Amino acid sequence: PLLAINEHDSLGSRGVPGEAKRPDRRLPKLRLTSLDAFRGLTIAIMILVDDAGSAYPIIDHVPWNGIHLADFVMPFFLFIVGAAVTLSFRKFSILKLGDRGDLTQKAIWRSVKLFMWGIFLQGSMMPRMKYDVTDAYLVAGLNLASFRVPGILQRIAFAYLVCCLIELYIPHSVPNRGDEDAYGPDPGVVELLSQYRLHWMACMSFLIAYIAIMVRTYVPSYQYTKASITGPVTYSVDCNIRGSFGPECNACGYWDRTVLTYSHMYNTPTYAGLSACRTTLPPQWCSVPFDPEGIVASLGTVPVVYIGIHYGRILTRVRSSSARIGHFLCIASLNTAIGLVLKVLWVDFNKNIWSPSYLFFTCGCAGFVFTFYYIVYDHDGMMPEEIKRQFASWSYTM
């Protein structure tokens, strides 16, 4: 297979008898084509839904419960980030470009840069038109009183950093078999999962924290005041409830309103597209800001990145392409099944609050799509090498 981590190239060598034990410091020029293809597909979907979503609501983000094409973009990107983390860390460890401290600094610096790019692009630093009750004018620069703190890149930066720290500082239970065969025979699906059980416990603790916050947080009634042509208008929302997954009284919105305040949140909630909010007398909560990349919901992104990391780990730990595909399909099927069961028994798919059913179902779909591209591009030479090179180059450039 055409893999930068295949056992036949410099990065994938595991001390097979007859090969040099010292790794070759020259990096292979070929990329993991299936991951590039998956990235290219995700970018293409993102462009499609951004440009055509308003004209075709069936592919745009769902106002609240449910899932459309646009709702797959974010978890797909997080999955890709996770898979890339494993391959990147393996490269650094084999080439001895730095120890754990150096990798930690790199991960922190990359996260900071990604977070700041998010503030620049989505936090109101870009030149833009600003509208008030009487006029419209062009503004630019960062307004500390009203810039948006959460965002897509900020969320990726958070999940990426957390998973990098888990990978670097939590020990695993992979047996040390010596230089001659560093990992031993290809591990089975359950064996590979169990060898990194502490990592899984660490990343799933973020999901447990999310569930605990969503279920146990008491959400009181609240008010929101908004400027209008006739003067300030105050919207009142009655809650006084726990465990709500509805748009008006969920814990995600409560903690964002409490910590970030309305000034630093997304002011155009997607739930404004609900049929209840499109009537002549909509509920007052339809006008209240809600951030789809908020604080509590971002906790659920950590398992998505880590599932991507596990797919990358399969690539580095399992030699046989057919066995890799078996691993991929098992994990994807498990995630999809968990997501469907949670949807039926507990809470619907919901990107805005990153519900557990949405998390697992989209991870399963990401696994199936990646497996498809792996079979097409990286399994048993099913596609000519020149086409692989061209497609990888195109995906990377895009």
Protein backbone atom coordinates (compact mmCIF):
# COMPACT_ATOMS: atom_id res chain seq x y z
CA PRO A 1 0.00 0.00 0.00
CA LEU A 2 1.03 3.58 -0.61
CA LEU A 3 1.54 4.66 2.99
CA ALA A 4 4.09 6.88 4.65
CA ILE A 5 3.93 4.47 7.58
CA ASN A 6 4.04 1.21 5.63
CA GLU A 7 6.45 -1.45 6.78
CA HIS A 8 8.34 -1.24 3.47
CA ASP A 9 9.40 2.39 3.79
CA SER A 10 11.71 4.25 6.14
CA LEU A 11 9.06 5.50 8.58
CA GLY A 12 7.24 2.20 8.85
CA SER A 13 10.24 -0.06 9.38
CA ARG A 14 9.87 -2.11 12.57
CA GLY A 15 13.16 -3.92 12.70
CA VAL A 16 12.29 -6.70 10.27
CA PRO A 17 15.30 -9.03 10.00
CA GLY A 18 17.61 -8.01 7.18
CA GLU A 19 16.76 -4.30 7.40
CA ALA A 20 18.96 -1.67 8.99
CA LYS A 21 17.91 -0.92 12.54
CA ARG A 22 18.71 2.77 12.27
CA PRO A 23 15.82 4.58 10.53
CA ASP A 24 16.47 6.40 7.29
CA ARG A 25 16.26 10.15 7.88
CA ARG A 26 14.94 10.82 4.41
CA LEU A 27 11.18 11.26 4.46
CA PRO A 28 9.20 9.45 1.78
CA LYS A 29 7.69 11.82 -0.76
CA LEU A 30 4.37 10.01 -1.02
CA ARG A 31 1.53 10.97 1.28
CA LEU A 32 -1.29 8.94 2.73
CA THR A 33 -3.54 9.41 -0.29
CA SER A 34 -6.73 8.22 1.37
CA LEU A 35 -6.44 10.86 4.09
CA ASP A 36 -5.74 13.56 1.50
CA ALA A 37 -8.76 12.41 -0.50
CA PHE A 38 -10.95 12.48 2.60
CA ARG A 39 -9.71 15.99 3.39
CA GLY A 40 -10.44 17.10 -0.17
CA LEU A 41 -13.95 15.67 0.00
CA THR A 42 -14.64 17.46 3.30
CA ILE A 43 -13.42 20.77 1.90
CA ALA A 44 -15.59 20.28 -1.19
CA ILE A 45 -18.65 19.61 0.99
CA MET A 46 -17.85 22.70 3.05
CA ILE A 47 -17.67 24.89 -0.07
CA LEU A 48 -20.87 23.37 -1.43
CA VAL A 49 -22.96 23.93 1.68
CA ASP A 50 -21.55 27.42 2.26
CA ASP A 51 -22.41 28.51 -1.27
CA ALA A 52 -25.62 26.59 -1.87
CA GLY A 53 -26.95 25.86 1.60
CA SER A 54 -29.21 28.91 1.73
CA ALA A 55 -30.80 27.96 -1.61
CA TYR A 56 -31.12 24.26 -0.73
CA PRO A 57 -32.03 23.89 2.97
CA ILE A 58 -31.86 20.10 2.68
CA ILE A 59 -28.04 20.31 2.64
CA ASP A 60 -27.68 23.25 5.04
CA HIS A 61 -27.31 22.95 8.82
CA VAL A 62 -30.37 21.62 10.59
CA PRO A 63 -31.96 24.33 12.77
CA TRP A 64 -31.93 22.02 15.79
CA ASN A 65 -32.53 18.23 15.90
CA GLY A 66 -31.53 16.10 12.94
CA ILE A 67 -28.62 15.95 10.54
CA HIS A 68 -27.97 17.29 7.04
CA LEU A 69 -24.93 17.24 4.78
CA ALA A 70 -23.45 20.40 6.31
CA ASP A 71 -23.51 18.84 9.77
CA PHE A 72 -20.90 16.27 8.75
CA VAL A 73 -18.19 18.82 7.94
CA MET A 74 -17.01 19.66 11.46
CA PRO A 75 -16.72 16.07 12.79
CA PHE A 76 -15.03 15.00 9.55
CA PHE A 77 -12.38 17.70 10.00
CA LEU A 78 -11.85 16.71 13.64
CA PHE A 79 -11.48 13.06 12.63
CA ILE A 80 -8.86 14.01 10.00
CA VAL A 81 -6.95 16.08 12.56
CA GLY A 82 -6.80 13.08 14.88
CA ALA A 83 -5.53 10.71 12.21
CA ALA A 84 -2.85 13.22 11.23
CA VAL A 85 -1.71 13.55 14.87
CA THR A 86 -0.75 9.87 15.05
CA LEU A 87 1.20 9.98 11.79
CA SER A 88 2.93 13.22 12.75
CA PHE A 89 3.98 11.99 16.19
CA ARG A 90 5.31 8.73 14.75
CA LYS A 91 7.43 10.68 12.27
CA PHE A 92 8.93 12.84 14.99
CA SER A 93 9.65 9.91 17.28
CA ILE A 94 11.43 7.87 14.61
CA LEU A 95 13.49 10.74 13.24
CA LYS A 96 14.32 11.86 16.79
CA LEU A 97 13.56 15.50 15.99
CA GLY A 98 12.60 16.24 19.56
CA ASP A 99 11.62 14.74 22.88
CA ARG A 100 8.26 14.91 24.57
CA GLY A 101 8.85 18.44 25.78
CA ASP A 102 9.62 19.64 22.27
CA LEU A 103 6.49 18.00 20.92
CA THR A 104 4.45 19.59 23.69
CA GLN A 105 5.77 23.03 22.74
CA LYS A 106 4.96 22.37 19.08
CA ALA A 107 1.43 21.25 19.93
CA ILE A 108 0.80 24.27 22.17
CA TRP A 109 2.18 26.69 19.60
CA ARG A 110 0.10 25.18 16.80
CA SER A 111 -3.01 25.36 18.97
CA VAL A 112 -2.35 29.00 19.83
CA LYS A 113 -1.86 29.89 16.18
CA LEU A 114 -5.01 28.03 15.18
CA PHE A 115 -6.99 29.71 17.96
CA MET A 116 -5.76 33.17 16.97
CA TRP A 117 -6.57 32.52 13.32
CA GLY A 118 -10.07 31.66 14.48
CA ILE A 119 -10.32 34.93 16.40
CA PHE A 120 -9.08 36.80 13.32
CA LEU A 121 -11.45 35.10 10.87
CA GLN A 122 -14.55 34.56 13.04
CA GLY A 123 -14.00 36.90 15.96
CA SER A 124 -14.88 40.11 14.10
CA MET A 125 -11.34 41.19 13.17
CA MET A 126 -11.92 40.92 9.42
CA PRO A 127 -13.26 44.02 7.59
CA ARG A 128 -17.04 43.70 7.54
CA MET A 129 -20.28 45.58 7.26
CA LYS A 130 -21.87 46.50 10.58
CA TYR A 131 -25.56 47.29 10.86
CA ASP A 132 -27.32 49.17 13.61
CA VAL A 133 -30.89 50.33 13.90
CA THR A 134 -30.40 53.33 11.59
CA ASP A 135 -27.27 52.85 9.46
CA ALA A 136 -24.76 50.46 7.89
CA TYR A 137 -21.01 51.05 7.76
CA LEU A 138 -17.69 49.25 7.19
CA VAL A 139 -15.65 48.38 10.27
CA ALA A 140 -12.39 46.53 10.89
CA GLY A 141 -10.30 45.56 13.90
CA LEU A 142 -10.90 43.73 17.17
CA ASN A 143 -13.52 45.20 19.47
CA LEU A 144 -12.67 43.78 22.89
CA ALA A 145 -16.17 44.52 24.10
CA SER A 146 -17.95 42.44 21.48
CA PHE A 147 -15.64 40.05 19.61
CA ARG A 148 -16.77 36.44 19.35
CA VAL A 149 -14.63 34.07 21.42
CA PRO A 150 -15.79 30.59 20.26
CA GLY A 151 -15.46 29.45 16.68
CA ILE A 152 -14.67 26.55 14.39
CA LEU A 153 -10.87 26.91 14.44
CA GLN A 154 -10.90 27.64 18.16
CA ARG A 155 -12.78 24.39 18.75
CA ILE A 156 -10.32 22.42 16.61
CA ALA A 157 -7.40 24.02 18.48
CA PHE A 158 -8.86 22.97 21.84
CA ALA A 159 -9.56 19.36 20.87
CA TYR A 160 -6.20 19.03 19.08
CA LEU A 161 -4.22 20.25 22.09
CA VAL A 162 -6.07 18.05 24.58
CA CYS A 163 -5.58 14.92 22.47
CA CYS A 164 -1.90 15.72 21.88
CA LEU A 165 -1.34 15.98 25.62
CA ILE A 166 -3.18 12.68 26.16
CA GLU A 167 -0.98 10.99 23.56
CA LEU A 168 2.24 12.44 24.99
CA TYR A 169 1.75 12.08 28.73
CA ILE A 170 -0.58 9.16 29.43
CA PRO A 171 1.21 5.78 29.35
CA HIS A 172 0.03 2.88 27.21
CA SER A 173 0.36 -0.87 27.78
CA VAL A 174 1.96 -1.90 24.48
CA PRO A 175 4.34 -4.79 25.30
CA ASN A 176 8.01 -4.10 24.70
CA ARG A 177 9.28 -6.99 22.55
CA GLY A 178 12.72 -5.60 21.74
CA ASP A 179 14.26 -4.18 18.59
CA GLU A 180 13.75 -7.29 16.47
CA ASP A 181 9.97 -6.96 16.46
CA ALA A 182 8.94 -3.83 18.33
CA TYR A 183 5.21 -4.52 18.37
CA GLY A 184 4.92 -8.23 17.78
CA PRO A 185 2.05 -9.73 15.74
CA ASP A 186 -0.73 -7.51 14.46
CA PRO A 187 -3.08 -6.81 17.40
CA GLY A 188 -6.78 -7.58 17.18
CA VAL A 189 -9.47 -4.92 17.45
CA VAL A 190 -10.11 -5.42 21.17
CA GLU A 191 -6.42 -5.88 21.97
CA LEU A 192 -5.43 -2.61 20.30
CA LEU A 193 -8.20 -0.73 22.10
CA SER A 194 -7.21 -2.23 25.47
CA GLN A 195 -3.54 -1.36 25.03
CA TYR A 196 -4.55 2.32 25.10
CA ARG A 197 -7.34 2.02 27.64
CA LEU A 198 -5.98 4.85 29.80
CA HIS A 199 -6.02 7.13 26.76
CA TRP A 200 -9.64 6.17 26.06
CA MET A 201 -10.59 6.78 29.67
CA ALA A 202 -8.98 10.23 29.55
CA CYS A 203 -10.71 11.33 26.35
CA MET A 204 -14.07 9.85 27.31
CA SER A 205 -13.89 11.71 30.61
CA PHE A 206 -14.60 14.85 28.59
CA LEU A 207 -17.77 13.23 27.23
CA ILE A 208 -18.78 12.17 30.74
CA ALA A 209 -18.20 15.73 31.95
CA TYR A 210 -20.34 17.02 29.08
CA ILE A 211 -23.18 14.64 29.94
CA ALA A 212 -22.99 15.51 33.64
CA ILE A 213 -23.13 19.23 32.89
CA MET A 214 -26.02 18.85 30.46
CA VAL A 215 -28.06 16.68 32.83
CA ARG A 216 -27.28 18.27 36.19
CA THR A 217 -27.00 22.00 35.46
CA TYR A 218 -29.96 23.98 36.74
CA VAL A 219 -30.94 26.55 34.11
CA PRO A 220 -32.85 29.51 35.59
CA SER A 221 -35.07 31.90 33.67
CA TYR A 222 -33.21 34.69 31.91
CA GLN A 223 -33.61 37.89 29.91
CA TYR A 224 -31.95 39.36 26.84
CA THR A 225 -32.09 43.01 25.83
CA LYS A 226 -31.64 43.95 22.20
CA ALA A 227 -31.55 47.35 20.50
CA SER A 228 -34.25 48.22 17.96
CA ILE A 229 -35.50 51.25 16.05
CA THR A 230 -38.08 51.97 18.72
CA GLY A 231 -35.64 51.42 21.59
CA PRO A 232 -34.35 48.50 23.66
CA VAL A 233 -36.44 45.35 23.57
CA THR A 234 -36.22 42.81 26.39
CA TYR A 235 -36.91 39.14 25.76
CA SER A 236 -37.78 36.91 28.71
CA VAL A 237 -37.38 33.13 28.69
CA ASP A 238 -38.84 30.91 31.42
CA CYS A 239 -36.73 27.85 32.25
CA ASN A 240 -36.08 26.79 35.87
CA ILE A 241 -35.27 23.27 34.72
CA ARG A 242 -32.50 20.66 34.54
CA GLY A 243 -31.54 18.27 31.79
CA SER A 244 -33.18 20.05 28.87
CA PHE A 245 -31.83 19.42 25.36
CA GLY A 246 -34.18 21.94 23.78
CA PRO A 247 -33.03 25.20 22.19
CA GLU A 248 -34.18 27.59 24.91
CA CYS A 249 -33.15 26.02 28.23
CA ASN A 250 -30.13 23.76 27.66
CA ALA A 251 -26.95 23.91 29.75
CA CYS A 252 -24.76 24.79 26.74
CA GLY A 253 -26.54 28.09 26.27
CA TYR A 254 -26.62 28.76 30.02
CA TRP A 255 -22.86 28.42 30.50
CA ASP A 256 -22.09 30.45 27.38
CA ARG A 257 -24.37 33.25 28.58
CA THR A 258 -22.78 33.09 32.03
CA VAL A 259 -19.11 32.86 31.07
CA LEU A 260 -18.90 34.54 27.67
CA THR A 261 -21.91 36.90 28.01
CA TYR A 262 -24.07 37.79 25.02
CA SER A 263 -21.47 40.21 23.64
CA HIS A 264 -19.00 37.43 22.86
CA MET A 265 -21.42 34.88 21.40
CA TYR A 266 -22.78 34.11 17.95
CA ASN A 267 -25.76 36.44 17.51
CA THR A 268 -27.66 34.53 14.81
CA PRO A 269 -28.71 31.16 16.24
CA THR A 270 -29.43 28.36 13.81
CA TYR A 271 -32.59 27.49 15.74
CA ALA A 272 -34.09 30.72 14.40
CA GLY A 273 -34.86 28.61 11.33
CA LEU A 274 -37.26 26.39 13.27
CA SER A 275 -40.87 26.52 12.18
CA ALA A 276 -41.84 27.79 15.62
CA CYS A 277 -39.57 30.80 15.11
CA ARG A 278 -40.91 31.63 11.65
CA THR A 279 -44.44 32.48 12.73
CA THR A 280 -45.91 35.95 13.18
CA LEU A 281 -45.58 35.68 16.96
CA PRO A 282 -42.48 33.53 17.60
CA PRO A 283 -41.37 32.54 21.11
CA GLN A 284 -39.07 35.08 22.68
CA TRP A 285 -36.15 32.66 22.89
CA CYS A 286 -35.96 32.68 19.07
CA SER A 287 -34.21 36.08 19.28
CA VAL A 288 -31.68 35.11 21.97
CA PRO A 289 -28.04 34.51 20.82
CA PHE A 290 -26.76 30.94 20.90
CA ASP A 291 -23.25 29.83 19.98
CA PRO A 292 -22.99 26.49 18.15
CA GLU A 293 -19.28 26.28 19.05
CA GLY A 294 -19.78 27.04 22.73
CA ILE A 295 -17.84 25.97 25.80
CA VAL A 296 -19.76 22.90 27.00
CA ALA A 297 -20.43 21.50 23.53
CA SER A 298 -16.71 21.69 22.74
CA LEU A 299 -16.02 19.07 25.42
CA GLY A 300 -17.59 16.49 23.13
CA THR A 301 -15.14 17.20 20.32
CA VAL A 302 -12.24 15.56 22.18
CA PRO A 303 -13.53 11.97 21.62
CA VAL A 304 -13.97 12.73 17.90
CA VAL A 305 -10.32 13.71 17.49
CA TYR A 306 -9.23 10.73 19.55
CA ILE A 307 -11.22 8.31 17.42
CA GLY A 308 -9.32 9.78 14.47
CA ILE A 309 -6.11 9.18 16.40
CA HIS A 310 -7.07 5.54 16.79
CA TYR A 311 -7.49 5.19 13.03
CA GLY A 312 -4.01 6.61 12.60
CA ARG A 313 -2.78 4.17 15.22
CA ILE A 314 -4.27 1.30 13.24
CA LEU A 315 -2.21 2.45 10.26
CA THR A 316 0.99 2.48 12.30
CA ARG A 317 0.40 -0.68 14.34
CA VAL A 318 -1.26 -3.08 11.89
CA ARG A 319 0.86 -4.33 8.96
CA SER A 320 -1.75 -6.05 6.79
CA SER A 321 -3.95 -3.82 4.66
CA SER A 322 -6.83 -6.28 4.92
CA ALA A 323 -6.50 -6.36 8.70
CA ARG A 324 -6.47 -2.55 8.76
CA ILE A 325 -9.73 -2.49 6.82
CA GLY A 326 -11.21 -4.93 9.32
CA HIS A 327 -10.21 -2.64 12.18
CA PHE A 328 -11.60 0.40 10.38
CA LEU A 329 -14.96 -1.22 9.70
CA CYS A 330 -15.33 -2.60 13.24
CA ILE A 331 -14.73 0.78 14.86
CA ALA A 332 -16.95 2.59 12.34
CA SER A 333 -19.77 0.08 12.83
CA LEU A 334 -19.50 0.33 16.61
CA ASN A 335 -19.64 4.13 16.57
CA THR A 336 -22.56 4.19 14.17
CA ALA A 337 -24.51 1.66 16.23
CA ILE A 338 -23.90 3.59 19.46
CA GLY A 339 -25.06 6.80 17.79
CA LEU A 340 -28.26 5.22 16.49
CA VAL A 341 -29.06 3.60 19.84
CA LEU A 342 -28.55 6.89 21.68
CA LYS A 343 -30.77 8.65 19.17
CA VAL A 344 -33.59 6.17 19.68
CA LEU A 345 -33.31 5.81 23.45
CA TRP A 346 -32.13 9.23 24.63
CA VAL A 347 -31.34 12.35 22.59
CA ASP A 348 -31.61 13.12 18.87
CA PHE A 349 -28.74 14.07 16.56
CA ASN A 350 -27.88 17.69 17.32
CA LYS A 351 -24.79 19.55 16.15
CA ASN A 352 -25.61 22.76 18.04
CA ILE A 353 -25.18 21.08 21.42
CA TRP A 354 -22.95 18.26 20.06
CA SER A 355 -25.21 15.53 21.42
CA PRO A 356 -23.61 12.12 22.13
CA SER A 357 -25.75 10.48 19.44
CA TYR A 358 -24.47 13.02 16.90
CA LEU A 359 -20.88 12.52 18.08
CA PHE A 360 -20.81 8.76 17.63
CA PHE A 361 -22.92 8.61 14.48
CA THR A 362 -20.79 11.16 12.59
CA CYS A 363 -17.61 9.44 13.79
CA GLY A 364 -18.94 6.19 12.38
CA CYS A 365 -19.71 7.87 9.07
CA ALA A 366 -16.23 9.41 9.00
CA GLY A 367 -14.75 5.97 9.57
CA PHE A 368 -16.74 4.45 6.70
CA VAL A 369 -15.77 7.26 4.29
CA PHE A 370 -12.10 7.00 5.23
CA THR A 371 -12.23 3.21 4.81
CA PHE A 372 -13.72 3.64 1.34
CA TYR A 373 -10.89 5.97 0.30
CA TYR A 374 -8.31 3.65 1.85
CA ILE A 375 -9.64 0.70 -0.16
CA VAL A 376 -9.64 2.74 -3.37
CA TYR A 377 -6.28 4.49 -3.06
CA ASP A 378 -4.06 2.63 -0.60
CA HIS A 379 -5.10 -1.01 -0.69
CA ASP A 380 -3.34 -3.54 -2.93
CA GLY A 381 -2.50 -1.10 -5.69
CA MET A 382 -6.06 -0.76 -6.98
CA MET A 383 -5.17 2.60 -8.58
CA PRO A 384 -2.08 3.49 -10.67
CA GLU A 385 0.72 5.20 -8.74
CA GLU A 386 0.73 8.30 -10.97
CA ILE A 387 -2.95 8.96 -10.35
CA LYS A 388 -2.37 8.56 -6.62
CA ARG A 389 0.42 11.14 -6.74
CA GLN A 390 -1.68 13.62 -8.72
CA PHE A 391 -4.73 13.23 -6.51
CA ALA A 392 -2.67 13.57 -3.33
CA SER A 393 -1.03 16.72 -4.70
CA TRP A 394 -4.42 18.17 -5.69
CA SER A 395 -5.98 17.40 -2.30
CA TYR A 396 -3.03 18.88 -0.42
CA THR A 397 -3.02 22.05 -2.56
CA MET A 398 -6.77 22.47 -2.11
